[in-house]
PDB file of N, CA and C in Angstrom:
ATOM      1  N   UNK A   1      49.371 188.885 179.011  1.00  0.00           N
ATOM      2  CA  UNK A   1      48.238 188.193 179.397  1.00  0.00           C
ATOM      3  C   UNK A   1      47.012 189.094 179.532  1.00  0.00           C
ATOM      4  N   UNK A   2      47.129 190.283 180.123  1.00  0.00           N
ATOM      5  CA  UNK A   2      46.008 191.117 180.180  1.00  0.00           C
ATOM      6  C   UNK A   2      45.518 191.627 178.808  1.00  0.00           C
ATOM      7  N   UNK A   3      46.496 191.839 177.866  1.00  0.00           N
ATOM      8  CA  UNK A   3      46.242 192.271 176.610  1.00  0.00           C
ATOM      9  C   UNK A   3      45.290 191.200 175.899  1.00  0.00           C
ATOM     10  N   UNK A   4      45.540 189.945 176.074  1.00  0.00           N
ATOM     11  CA  UNK A   4      44.867 188.925 175.449  1.00  0.00           C
ATOM     12  C   UNK A   4      43.360 188.862 175.962  1.00  0.00           C
ATOM     13  N   UNK A   5      43.224 189.077 177.280  1.00  0.00           N
ATOM     14  CA  UNK A   5      41.879 189.070 177.876  1.00  0.00           C
ATOM     15  C   UNK A   5      41.099 190.426 177.395  1.00  0.00           C
ATOM     16  N   UNK A   6      41.828 191.521 177.220  1.00  0.00           N
ATOM     17  CA  UNK A   6      41.114 192.772 176.698  1.00  0.00           C
ATOM     18  C   UNK A   6      40.791 192.439 175.331  1.00  0.00           C
ATOM     19  N   UNK A   7      41.621 192.018 174.463  1.00  0.00           N
ATOM     20  CA  UNK A   7      41.311 191.682 173.068  1.00  0.00           C
ATOM     21  C   UNK A   7      40.077 190.740 172.919  1.00  0.00           C
ATOM     22  N   UNK A   8      40.136 189.722 173.826  1.00  0.00           N
ATOM     23  CA  UNK A   8      38.952 188.679 173.755  1.00  0.00           C
ATOM     24  C   UNK A   8      37.694 189.426 174.129  1.00  0.00           C
ATOM     25  N   UNK A   9      37.737 190.249 175.183  1.00  0.00           N
ATOM     26  CA  UNK A   9      36.522 191.008 175.595  1.00  0.00           C
ATOM     27  C   UNK A   9      35.978 191.927 174.528  1.00  0.00           C
ATOM     28  N   UNK A  10      36.970 192.615 173.821  1.00  0.00           N
ATOM     29  CA  UNK A  10      36.539 193.483 172.742  1.00  0.00           C
ATOM     30  C   UNK A  10      35.872 192.737 171.627  1.00  0.00           C
ATOM     31  N   UNK A  11      36.629 191.603 171.200  1.00  0.00           N
ATOM     32  CA  UNK A  11      36.070 190.743 170.134  1.00  0.00           C
ATOM     33  C   UNK A  11      34.652 190.205 170.513  1.00  0.00           C
ATOM     34  N   UNK A  12      34.454 189.751 171.683  1.00  0.00           N
ATOM     35  CA  UNK A  12      33.151 189.235 172.116  1.00  0.00           C
ATOM     36  C   UNK A  12      32.083 190.338 172.100  1.00  0.00           C
ATOM     37  N   UNK A  13      32.435 191.532 172.607  1.00  0.00           N
ATOM     38  CA  UNK A  13      31.543 192.647 172.515  1.00  0.00           C
ATOM     39  C   UNK A  13      31.120 193.061 171.152  1.00  0.00           C
ATOM     40  N   UNK A  14      32.093 193.111 170.288  1.00  0.00           N
ATOM     41  CA  UNK A  14      31.828 193.464 168.823  1.00  0.00           C
ATOM     42  C   UNK A  14      30.854 192.314 168.287  1.00  0.00           C
ATOM     43  N   UNK A  15      31.092 191.138 168.515  1.00  0.00           N
ATOM     44  CA  UNK A  15      30.228 189.994 167.984  1.00  0.00           C
ATOM     45  C   UNK A  15      28.849 190.132 168.490  1.00  0.00           C
ATOM     46  N   UNK A  16      28.663 190.411 169.801  1.00  0.00           N
ATOM     47  CA  UNK A  16      27.359 190.520 170.435  1.00  0.00           C
ATOM     48  C   UNK A  16      26.618 191.813 169.857  1.00  0.00           C
ATOM     49  N   UNK A  17      27.355 192.793 169.581  1.00  0.00           N
ATOM     50  CA  UNK A  17      26.720 194.118 169.164  1.00  0.00           C
ATOM     51  C   UNK A  17      26.353 194.090 167.689  1.00  0.00           C
ATOM     52  N   UNK A  18      26.961 193.151 166.933  1.00  0.00           N
ATOM     53  CA  UNK A  18      26.637 193.093 165.527  1.00  0.00           C
ATOM     54  C   UNK A  18      25.168 192.672 165.219  1.00  0.00           C
ATOM     55  N   UNK A  19      24.493 193.396 164.386  1.00  0.00           N
ATOM     56  CA  UNK A  19      23.056 193.095 164.137  1.00  0.00           C
ATOM     57  C   UNK A  19      22.991 191.741 163.411  1.00  0.00           C
ATOM     58  N   UNK A  20      21.964 190.923 163.704  1.00  0.00           N
ATOM     59  CA  UNK A  20      21.712 189.585 163.018  1.00  0.00           C
ATOM     60  C   UNK A  20      20.822 189.917 161.897  1.00  0.00           C
ATOM     61  N   UNK A  21      21.011 189.250 160.756  1.00  0.00           N
ATOM     62  CA  UNK A  21      20.178 189.477 159.627  1.00  0.00           C
ATOM     63  C   UNK A  21      18.759 188.828 159.929  1.00  0.00           C
ATOM     64  N   UNK A  22      17.705 189.491 159.571  1.00  0.00           N
ATOM     65  CA  UNK A  22      16.366 189.115 159.732  1.00  0.00           C
ATOM     66  C   UNK A  22      15.911 188.433 158.401  1.00  0.00           C
ATOM     67  N   UNK A  23      16.186 187.208 158.190  1.00  0.00           N
ATOM     68  CA  UNK A  23      15.781 186.600 156.918  1.00  0.00           C
ATOM     69  C   UNK A  23      14.694 185.621 157.195  1.00  0.00           C
ATOM     70  N   UNK A  24      13.778 185.575 156.295  1.00  0.00           N
ATOM     71  CA  UNK A  24      12.677 184.609 156.301  1.00  0.00           C
ATOM     72  C   UNK A  24      12.939 183.517 155.319  1.00  0.00           C
ATOM     73  N   UNK A  25      13.704 182.536 155.685  1.00  0.00           N
ATOM     74  CA  UNK A  25      13.998 181.427 154.822  1.00  0.00           C
ATOM     75  C   UNK A  25      13.296 180.207 155.344  1.00  0.00           C
ATOM     76  N   UNK A  26      13.229 179.220 154.384  1.00  0.00           N
ATOM     77  CA  UNK A  26      12.509 177.966 154.744  1.00  0.00           C
ATOM     78  C   UNK A  26      13.066 177.209 155.762  1.00  0.00           C
ATOM     79  N   UNK A  27      14.317 177.361 156.137  1.00  0.00           N
ATOM     80  CA  UNK A  27      14.960 176.614 157.165  1.00  0.00           C
ATOM     81  C   UNK A  27      14.984 177.249 158.504  1.00  0.00           C
ATOM     82  N   UNK A  28      14.294 178.385 158.641  1.00  0.00           N
ATOM     83  CA  UNK A  28      14.234 179.156 159.940  1.00  0.00           C
ATOM     84  C   UNK A  28      13.259 178.475 160.959  1.00  0.00           C
ATOM     85  N   UNK A  29      13.300 179.131 162.051  1.00  0.00           N
ATOM     86  CA  UNK A  29      12.443 178.817 163.188  1.00  0.00           C
ATOM     87  C   UNK A  29      11.201 179.430 163.201  1.00  0.00           C
ATOM     88  N   UNK A  30      10.802 180.169 162.050  1.00  0.00           N
ATOM     89  CA  UNK A  30       9.494 180.873 162.027  1.00  0.00           C
ATOM     90  C   UNK A  30       9.390 181.990 162.927  1.00  0.00           C
ATOM     91  N   UNK A  31      10.448 182.711 163.343  1.00  0.00           N
ATOM     92  CA  UNK A  31      10.279 183.845 164.130  1.00  0.00           C
ATOM     93  C   UNK A  31      11.153 184.943 163.390  1.00  0.00           C
ATOM     94  N   UNK A  32      10.469 185.914 162.858  1.00  0.00           N
ATOM     95  CA  UNK A  32      11.148 186.988 162.003  1.00  0.00           C
ATOM     96  C   UNK A  32      11.044 188.330 162.602  1.00  0.00           C
ATOM     97  N   UNK A  33      11.977 189.152 162.233  1.00  0.00           N
ATOM     98  CA  UNK A  33      12.035 190.511 162.633  1.00  0.00           C
ATOM     99  C   UNK A  33      12.089 191.331 161.307  1.00  0.00           C
ATOM    100  N   UNK A  34      11.645 192.535 161.427  1.00  0.00           N
ATOM    101  CA  UNK A  34      11.649 193.379 160.164  1.00  0.00           C
ATOM    102  C   UNK A  34      10.218 193.304 159.594  1.00  0.00           C
ATOM    103  N   UNK A  35      10.112 193.934 158.386  1.00  0.00           N
ATOM    104  CA  UNK A  35       8.866 194.073 157.773  1.00  0.00           C
ATOM    105  C   UNK A  35       8.821 193.403 156.305  1.00  0.00           C
ATOM    106  N   UNK A  36       9.903 192.842 155.982  1.00  0.00           N
ATOM    107  CA  UNK A  36       9.965 192.192 154.595  1.00  0.00           C
ATOM    108  C   UNK A  36       9.055 190.954 154.580  1.00  0.00           C
ATOM    109  N   UNK A  37       8.097 191.025 153.639  1.00  0.00           N
ATOM    110  CA  UNK A  37       7.166 189.833 153.564  1.00  0.00           C
ATOM    111  C   UNK A  37       7.752 188.523 153.250  1.00  0.00           C
ATOM    112  N   UNK A  38       7.272 187.577 153.910  1.00  0.00           N
ATOM    113  CA  UNK A  38       7.877 186.208 153.680  1.00  0.00           C
ATOM    114  C   UNK A  38       7.248 185.747 152.347  1.00  0.00           C
ATOM    115  N   UNK A  39       7.936 184.773 151.759  1.00  0.00           N
ATOM    116  CA  UNK A  39       7.392 184.092 150.567  1.00  0.00           C
ATOM    117  C   UNK A  39       6.246 183.107 150.943  1.00  0.00           C
ATOM    118  N   UNK A  40       5.443 182.716 150.021  1.00  0.00           N
ATOM    119  CA  UNK A  40       4.430 181.726 150.170  1.00  0.00           C
ATOM    120  C   UNK A  40       5.078 180.395 150.738  1.00  0.00           C
ATOM    121  N   UNK A  41       6.184 180.047 150.213  1.00  0.00           N
ATOM    122  CA  UNK A  41       6.794 178.812 150.680  1.00  0.00           C
ATOM    123  C   UNK A  41       7.185 178.931 152.076  1.00  0.00           C
ATOM    124  N   UNK A  42       7.706 179.959 152.548  1.00  0.00           N
ATOM    125  CA  UNK A  42       8.168 180.143 153.926  1.00  0.00           C
ATOM    126  C   UNK A  42       6.909 180.071 154.867  1.00  0.00           C
ATOM    127  N   UNK A  43       5.787 180.744 154.508  1.00  0.00           N
ATOM    128  CA  UNK A  43       4.531 180.781 155.318  1.00  0.00           C
ATOM    129  C   UNK A  43       4.039 179.291 155.257  1.00  0.00           C
ATOM    130  N   UNK A  44       4.062 178.624 154.239  1.00  0.00           N
ATOM    131  CA  UNK A  44       3.558 177.270 154.214  1.00  0.00           C
ATOM    132  C   UNK A  44       4.354 176.399 155.102  1.00  0.00           C
ATOM    133  N   UNK A  45       5.647 176.525 155.025  1.00  0.00           N
ATOM    134  CA  UNK A  45       6.522 175.785 155.949  1.00  0.00           C
ATOM    135  C   UNK A  45       6.219 176.002 157.410  1.00  0.00           C
ATOM    136  N   UNK A  46       6.122 177.393 157.764  1.00  0.00           N
ATOM    137  CA  UNK A  46       5.765 177.692 159.117  1.00  0.00           C
ATOM    138  C   UNK A  46       4.409 177.253 159.511  1.00  0.00           C
ATOM    139  N   UNK A  47       3.448 177.108 158.621  1.00  0.00           N
ATOM    140  CA  UNK A  47       2.104 176.557 158.979  1.00  0.00           C
ATOM    141  C   UNK A  47       2.320 175.091 159.358  1.00  0.00           C
ATOM    142  N   UNK A  48       3.040 174.361 158.515  1.00  0.00           N
ATOM    143  CA  UNK A  48       3.276 172.987 158.825  1.00  0.00           C
ATOM    144  C   UNK A  48       3.988 172.820 160.165  1.00  0.00           C
ATOM    145  N   UNK A  49       4.987 173.667 160.448  1.00  0.00           N
ATOM    146  CA  UNK A  49       5.647 173.538 161.797  1.00  0.00           C
ATOM    147  C   UNK A  49       4.629 173.790 162.863  1.00  0.00           C
ATOM    148  N   UNK A  50       3.788 174.799 162.708  1.00  0.00           N
ATOM    149  CA  UNK A  50       2.775 175.126 163.725  1.00  0.00           C
ATOM    150  C   UNK A  50       1.722 173.985 163.858  1.00  0.00           C
ATOM    151  N   UNK A  51       1.290 173.395 162.758  1.00  0.00           N
ATOM    152  CA  UNK A  51       0.452 172.209 162.862  1.00  0.00           C
ATOM    153  C   UNK A  51       1.087 171.168 163.583  1.00  0.00           C
ATOM    154  N   UNK A  52       2.352 170.836 163.314  1.00  0.00           N
ATOM    155  CA  UNK A  52       2.956 169.716 164.015  1.00  0.00           C
ATOM    156  C   UNK A  52       3.128 170.020 165.486  1.00  0.00           C
ATOM    157  N   UNK A  53       3.350 171.281 165.908  1.00  0.00           N
ATOM    158  CA  UNK A  53       3.424 171.588 167.242  1.00  0.00           C
ATOM    159  C   UNK A  53       2.051 171.457 167.942  1.00  0.00           C
ATOM    160  N   UNK A  54       1.058 171.736 167.222  1.00  0.00           N
ATOM    161  CA  UNK A  54      -0.357 171.539 167.849  1.00  0.00           C
ATOM    162  C   UNK A  54      -0.675 170.090 168.046  1.00  0.00           C
ATOM    163  N   UNK A  55      -0.229 169.216 167.007  1.00  0.00           N
ATOM    164  CA  UNK A  55      -0.405 167.767 167.104  1.00  0.00           C
ATOM    165  C   UNK A  55       0.357 167.283 168.325  1.00  0.00           C
ATOM    166  N   UNK A  56       1.682 167.629 168.383  1.00  0.00           N
ATOM    167  CA  UNK A  56       2.510 167.191 169.462  1.00  0.00           C
ATOM    168  C   UNK A  56       2.087 167.550 170.830  1.00  0.00           C
ATOM    169  N   UNK A  57       1.406 168.710 171.062  1.00  0.00           N
ATOM    170  CA  UNK A  57       0.984 169.056 172.343  1.00  0.00           C
ATOM    171  C   UNK A  57      -0.491 168.681 172.577  1.00  0.00           C
ATOM    172  N   UNK A  58      -1.139 167.984 171.606  1.00  0.00           N
ATOM    173  CA  UNK A  58      -2.503 167.470 171.809  1.00  0.00           C
ATOM    174  C   UNK A  58      -3.597 168.542 171.465  1.00  0.00           C
ATOM    175  N   UNK A  59      -3.190 169.640 170.952  1.00  0.00           N
ATOM    176  CA  UNK A  59      -4.193 170.612 170.628  1.00  0.00           C
ATOM    177  C   UNK A  59      -4.969 170.193 169.378  1.00  0.00           C
ATOM    178  N   UNK A  60      -4.346 169.354 168.496  1.00  0.00           N
ATOM    179  CA  UNK A  60      -4.974 168.799 167.374  1.00  0.00           C
ATOM    180  C   UNK A  60      -4.736 167.349 167.378  1.00  0.00           C
ATOM    181  N   UNK A  61      -5.799 166.610 166.825  1.00  0.00           N
ATOM    182  CA  UNK A  61      -5.709 165.136 166.780  1.00  0.00           C
ATOM    183  C   UNK A  61      -4.607 164.793 165.857  1.00  0.00           C
ATOM    184  N   UNK A  62      -4.135 163.515 165.956  1.00  0.00           N
ATOM    185  CA  UNK A  62      -2.954 163.053 165.140  1.00  0.00           C
ATOM    186  C   UNK A  62      -3.372 163.045 163.709  1.00  0.00           C
ATOM    187  N   UNK A  63      -4.685 162.900 163.439  1.00  0.00           N
ATOM    188  CA  UNK A  63      -5.142 162.757 161.966  1.00  0.00           C
ATOM    189  C   UNK A  63      -4.640 164.037 161.125  1.00  0.00           C
ATOM    190  N   UNK A  64      -4.443 165.153 161.889  1.00  0.00           N
ATOM    191  CA  UNK A  64      -4.049 166.513 161.184  1.00  0.00           C
ATOM    192  C   UNK A  64      -2.561 166.336 160.641  1.00  0.00           C
ATOM    193  N   UNK A  65      -1.828 165.425 161.208  1.00  0.00           N
ATOM    194  CA  UNK A  65      -0.410 165.314 160.774  1.00  0.00           C
ATOM    195  C   UNK A  65      -0.212 165.149 159.385  1.00  0.00           C
ATOM    196  N   UNK A  66      -1.112 164.450 158.694  1.00  0.00           N
ATOM    197  CA  UNK A  66      -1.137 164.102 157.277  1.00  0.00           C
ATOM    198  C   UNK A  66      -1.647 165.160 156.369  1.00  0.00           C
ATOM    199  N   UNK A  67      -2.281 166.089 156.912  1.00  0.00           N
ATOM    200  CA  UNK A  67      -2.978 167.133 156.165  1.00  0.00           C
ATOM    201  C   UNK A  67      -1.967 168.205 155.619  1.00  0.00           C
ATOM    202  N   UNK A  68      -1.996 168.526 154.417  1.00  0.00           N
ATOM    203  CA  UNK A  68      -1.162 169.554 153.775  1.00  0.00           C
ATOM    204  C   UNK A  68      -1.905 170.888 153.606  1.00  0.00           C
ATOM    205  N   UNK A  69      -1.273 172.021 153.802  1.00  0.00           N
ATOM    206  CA  UNK A  69      -1.953 173.218 153.704  1.00  0.00           C
ATOM    207  C   UNK A  69      -2.290 173.585 152.210  1.00  0.00           C
ATOM    208  N   UNK A  70      -3.400 174.362 152.229  1.00  0.00           N
ATOM    209  CA  UNK A  70      -3.663 174.980 150.793  1.00  0.00           C
ATOM    210  C   UNK A  70      -2.649 176.167 150.546  1.00  0.00           C
ATOM    211  N   UNK A  71      -2.562 176.721 149.460  1.00  0.00           N
ATOM    212  CA  UNK A  71      -1.756 177.785 149.123  1.00  0.00           C
ATOM    213  C   UNK A  71      -2.009 179.024 150.021  1.00  0.00           C
ATOM    214  N   UNK A  72      -1.006 179.571 150.747  1.00  0.00           N
ATOM    215  CA  UNK A  72      -1.268 180.746 151.497  1.00  0.00           C
ATOM    216  C   UNK A  72      -1.737 181.840 150.750  1.00  0.00           C
ATOM    217  N   UNK A  73      -2.650 182.684 151.356  1.00  0.00           N
ATOM    218  CA  UNK A  73      -3.127 183.907 150.698  1.00  0.00           C
ATOM    219  C   UNK A  73      -3.063 185.065 151.552  1.00  0.00           C
ATOM    220  N   UNK A  74      -2.803 186.227 151.063  1.00  0.00           N
ATOM    221  CA  UNK A  74      -2.845 187.446 151.826  1.00  0.00           C
ATOM    222  C   UNK A  74      -4.160 188.045 152.012  1.00  0.00           C
ATOM    223  N   UNK A  75      -4.582 188.319 153.194  1.00  0.00           N
ATOM    224  CA  UNK A  75      -5.849 188.868 153.453  1.00  0.00           C
ATOM    225  C   UNK A  75      -5.754 190.089 154.396  1.00  0.00           C
ATOM    226  N   UNK A  76      -6.806 190.935 154.463  1.00  0.00           N
ATOM    227  CA  UNK A  76      -6.822 192.077 155.353  1.00  0.00           C
ATOM    228  C   UNK A  76      -7.068 191.621 156.782  1.00  0.00           C
ATOM    229  N   UNK A  77      -6.147 191.690 157.591  1.00  0.00           N
ATOM    230  CA  UNK A  77      -6.304 191.491 158.958  1.00  0.00           C
ATOM    231  C   UNK A  77      -6.883 192.669 159.758  1.00  0.00           C
ATOM    232  N   UNK A  78      -7.025 192.503 161.111  1.00  0.00           N
ATOM    233  CA  UNK A  78      -7.535 193.679 161.824  1.00  0.00           C
ATOM    234  C   UNK A  78      -6.651 194.828 161.763  1.00  0.00           C
ATOM    235  N   UNK A  79      -5.410 194.721 161.836  1.00  0.00           N
ATOM    236  CA  UNK A  79      -4.408 195.818 161.862  1.00  0.00           C
ATOM    237  C   UNK A  79      -3.693 196.023 160.546  1.00  0.00           C
ATOM    238  N   UNK A  80      -3.468 194.911 159.864  1.00  0.00           N
ATOM    239  CA  UNK A  80      -2.634 195.057 158.597  1.00  0.00           C
ATOM    240  C   UNK A  80      -2.874 193.802 157.804  1.00  0.00           C
ATOM    241  N   UNK A  81      -2.194 193.768 156.624  1.00  0.00           N
ATOM    242  CA  UNK A  81      -2.276 192.533 155.750  1.00  0.00           C
ATOM    243  C   UNK A  81      -1.677 191.355 156.521  1.00  0.00           C
ATOM    244  N   UNK A  82      -2.295 190.188 156.381  1.00  0.00           N
ATOM    245  CA  UNK A  82      -1.786 188.985 156.949  1.00  0.00           C
ATOM    246  C   UNK A  82      -1.834 187.831 156.011  1.00  0.00           C
ATOM    247  N   UNK A  83      -1.042 186.778 156.336  1.00  0.00           N
ATOM    248  CA  UNK A  83      -1.211 185.593 155.521  1.00  0.00           C
ATOM    249  C   UNK A  83      -2.195 184.629 156.140  1.00  0.00           C
ATOM    250  N   UNK A  84      -3.092 183.954 155.401  1.00  0.00           N
ATOM    251  CA  UNK A  84      -4.044 183.032 155.830  1.00  0.00           C
ATOM    252  C   UNK A  84      -3.678 181.718 155.218  1.00  0.00           C
ATOM    253  N   UNK A  85      -3.633 180.673 156.024  1.00  0.00           N
ATOM    254  CA  UNK A  85      -3.307 179.270 155.477  1.00  0.00           C
ATOM    255  C   UNK A  85      -4.401 178.377 156.073  1.00  0.00           C
ATOM    256  N   UNK A  86      -4.973 177.640 155.041  1.00  0.00           N
ATOM    257  CA  UNK A  86      -6.020 176.770 155.381  1.00  0.00           C
ATOM    258  C   UNK A  86      -5.747 175.273 155.248  1.00  0.00           C
ATOM    259  N   UNK A  87      -6.100 174.472 156.240  1.00  0.00           N
ATOM    260  CA  UNK A  87      -5.913 173.050 156.304  1.00  0.00           C
ATOM    261  C   UNK A  87      -7.375 172.427 156.398  1.00  0.00           C
ATOM    262  N   UNK A  88      -7.577 171.412 155.572  1.00  0.00           N
ATOM    263  CA  UNK A  88      -8.928 170.789 155.520  1.00  0.00           C
ATOM    264  C   UNK A  88      -8.706 169.372 155.827  1.00  0.00           C
ATOM    265  N   UNK A  89      -9.324 168.876 156.870  1.00  0.00           N
ATOM    266  CA  UNK A  89      -9.228 167.540 157.436  1.00  0.00           C
ATOM    267  C   UNK A  89     -10.627 166.731 157.275  1.00  0.00           C
ATOM    268  N   UNK A  90     -10.876 165.946 156.219  1.00  0.00           N
ATOM    269  CA  UNK A  90     -12.183 165.354 156.077  1.00  0.00           C
ATOM    270  C   UNK A  90     -12.343 164.283 157.095  1.00  0.00           C
ATOM    271  N   UNK A  91     -11.303 163.908 157.817  1.00  0.00           N
ATOM    272  CA  UNK A  91     -11.386 162.832 158.768  1.00  0.00           C
ATOM    273  C   UNK A  91     -11.698 163.340 160.223  1.00  0.00           C
ATOM    274  N   UNK A  92     -11.823 164.646 160.263  1.00  0.00           N
ATOM    275  CA  UNK A  92     -12.150 165.317 161.525  1.00  0.00           C
ATOM    276  C   UNK A  92     -13.567 164.780 162.064  1.00  0.00           C
ATOM    277  N   UNK A  93     -13.705 164.387 163.289  1.00  0.00           N
ATOM    278  CA  UNK A  93     -14.987 163.872 163.743  1.00  0.00           C
ATOM    279  C   UNK A  93     -16.021 164.858 163.944  1.00  0.00           C
ATOM    280  N   UNK A  94     -15.630 166.120 164.257  1.00  0.00           N
ATOM    281  CA  UNK A  94     -16.469 167.236 164.471  1.00  0.00           C
ATOM    282  C   UNK A  94     -16.660 168.064 163.189  1.00  0.00           C
ATOM    283  N   UNK A  95     -17.764 168.127 162.508  1.00  0.00           N
ATOM    284  CA  UNK A  95     -17.958 168.754 161.262  1.00  0.00           C
ATOM    285  C   UNK A  95     -17.482 170.258 161.337  1.00  0.00           C
ATOM    286  N   UNK A  96     -17.733 170.946 162.529  1.00  0.00           N
ATOM    287  CA  UNK A  96     -17.353 172.289 162.582  1.00  0.00           C
ATOM    288  C   UNK A  96     -15.835 172.506 162.753  1.00  0.00           C
ATOM    289  N   UNK A  97     -15.125 171.468 162.888  1.00  0.00           N
ATOM    290  CA  UNK A  97     -13.647 171.538 162.975  1.00  0.00           C
ATOM    291  C   UNK A  97     -12.925 170.795 161.940  1.00  0.00           C
ATOM    292  N   UNK A  98     -13.526 170.763 160.745  1.00  0.00           N
ATOM    293  CA  UNK A  98     -12.838 170.119 159.618  1.00  0.00           C
ATOM    294  C   UNK A  98     -11.914 171.037 158.885  1.00  0.00           C
ATOM    295  N   UNK A  99     -12.126 172.356 159.082  1.00  0.00           N
ATOM    296  CA  UNK A  99     -11.235 173.386 158.445  1.00  0.00           C
ATOM    297  C   UNK A  99     -10.539 174.126 159.467  1.00  0.00           C
ATOM    298  N   UNK A 100      -9.134 174.124 159.485  1.00  0.00           N
ATOM    299  CA  UNK A 100      -8.337 174.905 160.373  1.00  0.00           C
ATOM    300  C   UNK A 100      -7.760 176.079 159.638  1.00  0.00           C
ATOM    301  N   UNK A 101      -7.938 177.300 160.189  1.00  0.00           N
ATOM    302  CA  UNK A 101      -7.277 178.434 159.573  1.00  0.00           C
ATOM    303  C   UNK A 101      -6.112 178.918 160.601  1.00  0.00           C
ATOM    304  N   UNK A 102      -5.059 179.205 159.901  1.00  0.00           N
ATOM    305  CA  UNK A 102      -3.846 179.840 160.664  1.00  0.00           C
ATOM    306  C   UNK A 102      -3.613 181.182 160.038  1.00  0.00           C
ATOM    307  N   UNK A 103      -3.165 182.092 160.814  1.00  0.00           N
ATOM    308  CA  UNK A 103      -2.856 183.463 160.349  1.00  0.00           C
ATOM    309  C   UNK A 103      -1.472 183.865 160.802  1.00  0.00           C
ATOM    310  N   UNK A 104      -0.696 184.396 159.858  1.00  0.00           N
ATOM    311  CA  UNK A 104       0.708 184.809 160.088  1.00  0.00           C
ATOM    312  C   UNK A 104       0.841 186.315 159.704  1.00  0.00           C
ATOM    313  N   UNK A 105       1.695 186.958 160.326  1.00  0.00           N
ATOM    314  CA  UNK A 105       1.981 188.300 159.956  1.00  0.00           C
ATOM    315  C   UNK A 105       2.691 188.268 158.525  1.00  0.00           C
ATOM    316  N   UNK A 106       2.843 189.308 157.787  1.00  0.00           N
ATOM    317  CA  UNK A 106       3.470 189.362 156.560  1.00  0.00           C
ATOM    318  C   UNK A 106       4.935 188.775 156.633  1.00  0.00           C
ATOM    319  N   UNK A 107       5.773 189.151 157.631  1.00  0.00           N
ATOM    320  CA  UNK A 107       7.024 188.569 157.623  1.00  0.00           C
ATOM    321  C   UNK A 107       7.031 187.115 158.009  1.00  0.00           C
ATOM    322  N   UNK A 108       5.906 186.517 158.535  1.00  0.00           N
ATOM    323  CA  UNK A 108       5.871 185.051 158.734  1.00  0.00           C
ATOM    324  C   UNK A 108       5.707 184.624 160.127  1.00  0.00           C
ATOM    325  N   UNK A 109       5.470 185.554 161.085  1.00  0.00           N
ATOM    326  CA  UNK A 109       5.233 185.225 162.472  1.00  0.00           C
ATOM    327  C   UNK A 109       3.805 184.663 162.615  1.00  0.00           C
ATOM    328  N   UNK A 110       3.641 183.637 163.506  1.00  0.00           N
ATOM    329  CA  UNK A 110       2.340 183.012 163.821  1.00  0.00           C
ATOM    330  C   UNK A 110       1.656 184.032 164.600  1.00  0.00           C
ATOM    331  N   UNK A 111       0.243 184.249 164.158  1.00  0.00           N
ATOM    332  CA  UNK A 111      -0.654 185.144 164.995  1.00  0.00           C
ATOM    333  C   UNK A 111      -1.687 184.332 165.760  1.00  0.00           C
ATOM    334  N   UNK A 112      -2.348 183.513 164.910  1.00  0.00           N
ATOM    335  CA  UNK A 112      -3.529 182.669 165.637  1.00  0.00           C
ATOM    336  C   UNK A 112      -4.027 181.600 164.702  1.00  0.00           C
ATOM    337  N   UNK A 113      -4.742 180.671 165.294  1.00  0.00           N
ATOM    338  CA  UNK A 113      -5.404 179.586 164.611  1.00  0.00           C
ATOM    339  C   UNK A 113      -6.836 179.536 165.056  1.00  0.00           C
ATOM    340  N   UNK A 114      -7.662 179.082 164.218  1.00  0.00           N
ATOM    341  CA  UNK A 114      -9.046 178.876 164.673  1.00  0.00           C
ATOM    342  C   UNK A 114      -9.862 177.971 163.609  1.00  0.00           C
ATOM    343  N   UNK A 115     -11.047 177.723 163.893  1.00  0.00           N
ATOM    344  CA  UNK A 115     -11.820 177.018 162.881  1.00  0.00           C
ATOM    345  C   UNK A 115     -12.852 177.892 162.226  1.00  0.00           C
ATOM    346  N   UNK A 116     -12.866 179.188 162.427  1.00  0.00           N
ATOM    347  CA  UNK A 116     -13.887 180.082 161.878  1.00  0.00           C
ATOM    348  C   UNK A 116     -13.352 180.912 160.741  1.00  0.00           C
ATOM    349  N   UNK A 117     -12.045 181.054 160.614  1.00  0.00           N
ATOM    350  CA  UNK A 117     -11.459 181.882 159.573  1.00  0.00           C
ATOM    351  C   UNK A 117     -11.501 183.324 159.833  1.00  0.00           C
ATOM    352  N   UNK A 118     -11.945 183.731 161.006  1.00  0.00           N
ATOM    353  CA  UNK A 118     -12.080 185.159 161.308  1.00  0.00           C
ATOM    354  C   UNK A 118     -10.854 185.612 162.167  1.00  0.00           C
TER     355      UNK A 118
END
């Protein structure tokens, strides 16, 4: 009986100690580790997830839900290269808020969103 418990404990410890792969795939939760750059498709998917989160929490009007992002592009950020994703909503009531910019690290982690692109 004790042997079974010891073997179970060893197996659990080995499982918890094993490194998890850091993959940036389209089905992920958009939280990545490592430095491997994400693909444009992954970044676009993460931008859509972030947009949906902003709509759900009321940070963006519901009209943004139907807006698809432009093709992600790599730009020079303050510290390193970043992905920039642009959403344009012609239905936005405030002219200064018709274009939403989202920034992601190269691996695909969300950094910030704003209406200035800076």
